[in-house]
N, C-alpha and C. Protein backbone atom coordinates (compact mmCIF):
# COMPACT_ATOMS: atom_id res chain seq x y z
N UNK A 1 122.19 99.18 89.05
CA UNK A 1 122.04 100.13 90.13
C UNK A 1 120.78 100.95 89.94
N UNK A 2 120.14 101.24 91.02
CA UNK A 2 118.95 102.07 90.99
C UNK A 2 119.37 103.53 91.13
N UNK A 3 118.51 104.41 90.66
CA UNK A 3 118.81 105.83 90.80
C UNK A 3 117.75 106.48 91.67
N UNK A 4 118.20 107.43 92.45
CA UNK A 4 117.29 108.17 93.32
C UNK A 4 117.76 109.62 93.33
N UNK A 5 116.98 110.48 92.73
CA UNK A 5 117.27 111.91 92.68
C UNK A 5 118.71 112.20 92.27
N UNK A 6 119.12 111.57 91.19
CA UNK A 6 120.43 111.86 90.64
C UNK A 6 121.58 111.06 91.23
N UNK A 7 121.35 110.35 92.31
CA UNK A 7 122.44 109.56 92.88
C UNK A 7 122.16 108.07 92.62
N UNK A 8 123.22 107.32 92.45
CA UNK A 8 123.06 105.89 92.23
C UNK A 8 123.06 105.17 93.57
N UNK A 9 122.14 104.22 93.69
CA UNK A 9 122.04 103.42 94.90
C UNK A 9 122.39 102.00 94.52
N UNK A 10 123.39 101.46 95.19
CA UNK A 10 123.83 100.11 94.88
C UNK A 10 122.80 99.10 95.37
N UNK A 11 122.48 98.15 94.52
CA UNK A 11 121.53 97.09 94.86
C UNK A 11 122.16 96.20 95.93
N UNK A 12 121.35 95.81 96.91
CA UNK A 12 121.82 94.94 97.98
C UNK A 12 121.80 93.49 97.48
N UNK A 13 122.98 92.95 97.21
CA UNK A 13 123.09 91.60 96.64
C UNK A 13 122.56 90.53 97.59
N UNK A 14 122.80 90.69 98.89
CA UNK A 14 122.35 89.65 99.82
C UNK A 14 120.83 89.59 99.88
N UNK A 15 120.17 90.74 99.95
CA UNK A 15 118.71 90.75 100.00
C UNK A 15 118.11 90.23 98.69
N UNK A 16 118.66 90.63 97.56
CA UNK A 16 118.12 90.17 96.29
C UNK A 16 118.34 88.66 96.10
N UNK A 17 119.45 88.14 96.61
CA UNK A 17 119.70 86.70 96.52
C UNK A 17 118.74 85.93 97.42
N UNK A 18 118.54 86.42 98.64
CA UNK A 18 117.59 85.77 99.54
C UNK A 18 116.18 85.82 98.95
N UNK A 19 115.82 86.94 98.36
CA UNK A 19 114.50 87.08 97.71
C UNK A 19 114.32 86.02 96.64
N UNK A 20 115.35 85.79 95.86
CA UNK A 20 115.28 84.77 94.81
C UNK A 20 115.13 83.37 95.42
N UNK A 21 115.85 83.12 96.50
CA UNK A 21 115.86 81.79 97.10
C UNK A 21 114.56 81.44 97.82
N UNK A 22 113.98 82.38 98.54
CA UNK A 22 112.78 82.08 99.32
C UNK A 22 111.57 82.87 98.85
N UNK A 23 111.66 83.45 97.65
CA UNK A 23 110.59 84.31 97.16
C UNK A 23 109.40 83.59 96.57
N UNK A 24 109.42 82.28 96.48
CA UNK A 24 108.25 81.56 95.97
C UNK A 24 107.06 81.76 96.89
N UNK A 25 105.88 81.67 96.33
CA UNK A 25 104.65 81.95 97.09
C UNK A 25 104.54 81.15 98.38
N UNK A 26 105.02 79.91 98.39
CA UNK A 26 104.82 79.02 99.53
C UNK A 26 106.10 78.67 100.28
N UNK A 27 107.24 79.12 99.85
CA UNK A 27 108.50 78.64 100.40
C UNK A 27 108.67 78.93 101.89
N UNK A 28 108.31 80.11 102.34
CA UNK A 28 108.46 80.43 103.76
C UNK A 28 107.53 79.56 104.58
N UNK A 29 106.33 79.32 104.08
CA UNK A 29 105.40 78.46 104.81
C UNK A 29 105.90 77.01 104.84
N UNK A 30 106.45 76.54 103.74
CA UNK A 30 107.04 75.20 103.70
C UNK A 30 108.15 75.09 104.74
N UNK A 31 109.04 76.07 104.77
CA UNK A 31 110.13 76.06 105.75
C UNK A 31 109.59 76.10 107.18
N UNK A 32 108.55 76.88 107.39
CA UNK A 32 107.93 76.97 108.72
C UNK A 32 107.47 75.60 109.19
N UNK A 33 106.72 74.89 108.36
CA UNK A 33 106.19 73.59 108.78
C UNK A 33 107.29 72.55 108.99
N UNK A 34 108.29 72.57 108.15
CA UNK A 34 109.39 71.61 108.32
C UNK A 34 110.21 71.96 109.55
N UNK A 35 110.50 73.24 109.74
CA UNK A 35 111.38 73.67 110.83
C UNK A 35 110.70 73.65 112.19
N UNK A 36 109.48 74.15 112.26
CA UNK A 36 108.86 74.39 113.56
C UNK A 36 107.74 73.42 113.91
N UNK A 37 107.25 72.68 112.94
CA UNK A 37 106.16 71.73 113.21
C UNK A 37 106.57 70.30 112.92
N UNK A 38 107.83 70.09 112.55
CA UNK A 38 108.40 68.77 112.28
C UNK A 38 107.60 67.98 111.24
N UNK A 39 107.08 68.68 110.24
CA UNK A 39 106.40 68.05 109.12
C UNK A 39 107.48 67.66 108.12
N UNK A 40 107.53 66.38 107.73
CA UNK A 40 108.64 65.90 106.91
C UNK A 40 108.22 65.30 105.57
N UNK A 41 106.94 65.02 105.39
CA UNK A 41 106.49 64.30 104.20
C UNK A 41 105.64 65.19 103.29
N UNK A 42 105.70 64.90 102.00
CA UNK A 42 105.00 65.66 100.98
C UNK A 42 103.51 65.78 101.30
N UNK A 43 102.88 64.66 101.58
CA UNK A 43 101.44 64.66 101.86
C UNK A 43 101.08 65.48 103.08
N UNK A 44 101.92 65.40 104.12
CA UNK A 44 101.68 66.21 105.32
C UNK A 44 101.78 67.69 105.00
N UNK A 45 102.80 68.04 104.23
CA UNK A 45 102.96 69.46 103.86
C UNK A 45 101.75 69.94 103.06
N UNK A 46 101.31 69.14 102.14
CA UNK A 46 100.15 69.53 101.31
C UNK A 46 98.92 69.74 102.18
N UNK A 47 98.70 68.87 103.15
CA UNK A 47 97.54 69.03 104.03
C UNK A 47 97.68 70.28 104.91
N UNK A 48 98.88 70.56 105.39
CA UNK A 48 99.10 71.74 106.24
C UNK A 48 98.85 73.03 105.47
N UNK A 49 99.36 73.09 104.25
CA UNK A 49 99.26 74.31 103.47
C UNK A 49 97.88 74.46 102.84
N UNK A 50 97.33 73.37 102.37
CA UNK A 50 95.96 73.40 101.86
C UNK A 50 95.82 73.79 100.41
N UNK A 51 95.96 75.05 100.09
CA UNK A 51 95.67 75.58 98.76
C UNK A 51 96.77 75.40 97.73
N UNK A 52 97.70 74.54 97.95
CA UNK A 52 98.84 74.39 97.04
C UNK A 52 98.64 73.15 96.18
N UNK A 53 98.96 73.28 94.90
CA UNK A 53 98.86 72.11 94.01
C UNK A 53 100.07 71.21 94.22
N UNK A 54 99.92 69.94 93.84
CA UNK A 54 101.04 69.00 93.98
C UNK A 54 102.24 69.46 93.17
N UNK A 55 101.99 69.96 91.95
CA UNK A 55 103.12 70.37 91.09
C UNK A 55 103.85 71.58 91.68
N UNK A 56 103.11 72.52 92.24
CA UNK A 56 103.74 73.69 92.84
C UNK A 56 104.54 73.30 94.08
N UNK A 57 103.95 72.45 94.93
CA UNK A 57 104.68 72.00 96.12
C UNK A 57 105.94 71.26 95.72
N UNK A 58 105.83 70.39 94.74
CA UNK A 58 107.00 69.64 94.27
C UNK A 58 108.08 70.57 93.75
N UNK A 59 107.68 71.57 92.95
CA UNK A 59 108.64 72.52 92.38
C UNK A 59 109.32 73.34 93.47
N UNK A 60 108.55 73.82 94.43
CA UNK A 60 109.15 74.66 95.47
C UNK A 60 110.03 73.85 96.42
N UNK A 61 109.66 72.60 96.70
CA UNK A 61 110.53 71.74 97.50
C UNK A 61 111.84 71.49 96.76
N UNK A 62 111.76 71.22 95.47
CA UNK A 62 112.96 70.99 94.66
C UNK A 62 113.88 72.21 94.69
N UNK A 63 113.31 73.41 94.57
CA UNK A 63 114.10 74.63 94.60
C UNK A 63 114.75 74.84 95.97
N UNK A 64 114.01 74.55 97.05
CA UNK A 64 114.57 74.69 98.39
C UNK A 64 115.72 73.70 98.61
N UNK A 65 115.62 72.52 98.01
CA UNK A 65 116.72 71.55 98.07
C UNK A 65 117.91 72.09 97.28
N UNK A 66 117.66 72.57 96.06
CA UNK A 66 118.73 73.10 95.21
C UNK A 66 119.43 74.29 95.84
N UNK A 67 118.68 75.11 96.58
CA UNK A 67 119.25 76.30 97.20
C UNK A 67 119.86 76.02 98.57
N UNK A 68 119.83 74.77 99.00
CA UNK A 68 120.54 74.39 100.22
C UNK A 68 119.77 74.52 101.52
N UNK A 69 118.48 74.81 101.47
CA UNK A 69 117.70 74.93 102.70
C UNK A 69 117.22 73.57 103.21
N UNK A 70 116.93 72.66 102.29
CA UNK A 70 116.39 71.35 102.64
C UNK A 70 117.24 70.23 102.08
N UNK A 71 117.18 69.10 102.77
CA UNK A 71 117.76 67.85 102.27
C UNK A 71 116.60 66.91 102.00
N UNK A 72 116.70 66.17 100.90
CA UNK A 72 115.65 65.22 100.51
C UNK A 72 116.22 63.82 100.63
N UNK A 73 115.49 62.97 101.36
CA UNK A 73 115.90 61.58 101.52
C UNK A 73 114.85 60.70 100.87
N UNK A 74 115.26 59.96 99.85
CA UNK A 74 114.38 59.01 99.17
C UNK A 74 114.75 57.62 99.67
N UNK A 75 113.79 56.93 100.27
CA UNK A 75 114.06 55.63 100.86
C UNK A 75 113.98 54.49 99.85
N UNK A 76 113.64 54.79 98.59
CA UNK A 76 113.61 53.79 97.53
C UNK A 76 112.61 52.68 97.78
N UNK A 77 111.50 53.00 98.41
CA UNK A 77 110.49 52.01 98.73
C UNK A 77 109.28 52.16 97.83
N UNK A 78 108.46 51.10 97.80
CA UNK A 78 107.18 51.14 97.11
C UNK A 78 106.13 50.84 98.16
N UNK A 79 105.15 51.73 98.37
CA UNK A 79 105.00 53.02 97.72
C UNK A 79 106.13 53.97 98.12
N UNK A 80 106.36 54.99 97.29
CA UNK A 80 107.48 55.90 97.54
C UNK A 80 107.40 56.56 98.92
N UNK A 81 108.55 56.65 99.55
CA UNK A 81 108.65 57.34 100.84
C UNK A 81 109.83 58.29 100.75
N UNK A 82 109.53 59.57 100.89
CA UNK A 82 110.53 60.64 100.81
C UNK A 82 110.34 61.53 102.03
N UNK A 83 111.44 61.95 102.62
CA UNK A 83 111.39 62.89 103.74
C UNK A 83 112.23 64.12 103.43
N UNK A 84 111.79 65.24 103.96
CA UNK A 84 112.52 66.50 103.84
C UNK A 84 112.95 66.93 105.24
N UNK A 85 114.15 67.45 105.33
CA UNK A 85 114.68 67.95 106.61
C UNK A 85 115.53 69.18 106.33
N UNK A 86 115.66 70.01 107.35
CA UNK A 86 116.50 71.20 107.21
C UNK A 86 117.97 70.81 107.13
N UNK A 87 118.69 71.49 106.28
CA UNK A 87 120.15 71.39 106.24
C UNK A 87 120.70 72.35 107.30
N UNK A 88 122.00 72.36 107.53
CA UNK A 88 122.56 73.37 108.44
C UNK A 88 122.18 74.80 108.00
N UNK A 89 122.20 75.06 106.69
CA UNK A 89 121.79 76.39 106.20
C UNK A 89 120.33 76.65 106.53
N UNK A 90 119.49 75.65 106.35
CA UNK A 90 118.07 75.79 106.69
C UNK A 90 117.88 76.04 108.17
N UNK A 91 118.65 75.33 109.00
CA UNK A 91 118.55 75.53 110.45
C UNK A 91 118.97 76.94 110.85
N UNK A 92 119.92 77.50 110.13
CA UNK A 92 120.36 78.86 110.44
C UNK A 92 119.29 79.90 110.11
N UNK A 93 118.30 79.50 109.32
CA UNK A 93 117.20 80.39 108.94
C UNK A 93 116.06 80.38 109.97
N UNK A 94 116.06 79.40 110.88
CA UNK A 94 114.98 79.27 111.87
C UNK A 94 114.79 80.53 112.71
N UNK A 95 115.85 81.19 113.22
CA UNK A 95 115.62 82.42 113.98
C UNK A 95 114.89 83.50 113.17
N UNK A 96 115.12 83.53 111.87
CA UNK A 96 114.44 84.50 111.02
C UNK A 96 112.96 84.13 110.91
N UNK A 97 112.66 82.84 110.76
CA UNK A 97 111.26 82.39 110.74
C UNK A 97 110.55 82.75 112.04
N UNK A 98 111.23 82.51 113.15
CA UNK A 98 110.64 82.84 114.45
C UNK A 98 110.40 84.34 114.59
N UNK A 99 111.35 85.13 114.11
CA UNK A 99 111.19 86.60 114.16
C UNK A 99 110.01 87.04 113.28
N UNK A 100 109.87 86.42 112.12
CA UNK A 100 108.74 86.75 111.23
C UNK A 100 107.41 86.38 111.89
N UNK A 101 107.38 85.22 112.53
CA UNK A 101 106.16 84.78 113.24
C UNK A 101 105.83 85.76 114.35
N UNK A 102 106.82 86.13 115.15
CA UNK A 102 106.61 87.07 116.25
C UNK A 102 106.15 88.43 115.73
N UNK A 103 106.77 88.91 114.66
CA UNK A 103 106.39 90.19 114.08
C UNK A 103 104.94 90.16 113.61
N UNK A 104 104.54 89.07 112.96
CA UNK A 104 103.16 88.94 112.49
C UNK A 104 102.17 88.94 113.64
N UNK A 105 102.52 88.24 114.71
CA UNK A 105 101.64 88.21 115.87
C UNK A 105 101.52 89.58 116.53
N UNK A 106 102.66 90.26 116.64
CA UNK A 106 102.69 91.56 117.33
C UNK A 106 102.13 92.68 116.47
N UNK A 107 102.63 92.81 115.26
CA UNK A 107 102.28 93.95 114.42
C UNK A 107 100.96 93.76 113.64
N UNK A 108 100.63 92.52 113.34
CA UNK A 108 99.42 92.27 112.55
C UNK A 108 98.29 91.67 113.39
N UNK A 109 98.58 91.39 114.65
CA UNK A 109 97.56 90.84 115.53
C UNK A 109 97.10 89.46 115.14
N UNK A 110 98.01 88.68 114.58
CA UNK A 110 97.63 87.32 114.12
C UNK A 110 97.91 86.26 115.17
C-alpha cells in the first residue's frame, strides 16, 4: 500500500495487472496493428513498427500470447509460416485502443 499524508492508499490491482500485461515498450502498438490494421505476420509487424529488433518483437508477441491477448497459429511449413490473431480477450481490448487513438488525435494533435 502507498501512503499519502498519513493515510494508506490501496493499490489498484486491476490497473497494476494491466500495466504488467501491456506495459512493454511495443505491446500497445503491436495490438494496434493486429487489431485495427489486420497485420498478422511477424515480418509485417516488424516493417510496420520499424525500430524494433526481431528478438524484442518475438519476446513481446510471446508475452501477449501468454497473457491471453493473442493466439499464435504455426502452420508447420517450410519456410515457417506463423500468424497472430486477437483472442476474445484481445478483441475486448479494441475499444480501449480506439479510445487511446482518439485521445491522441484530439489531445495531442496527432
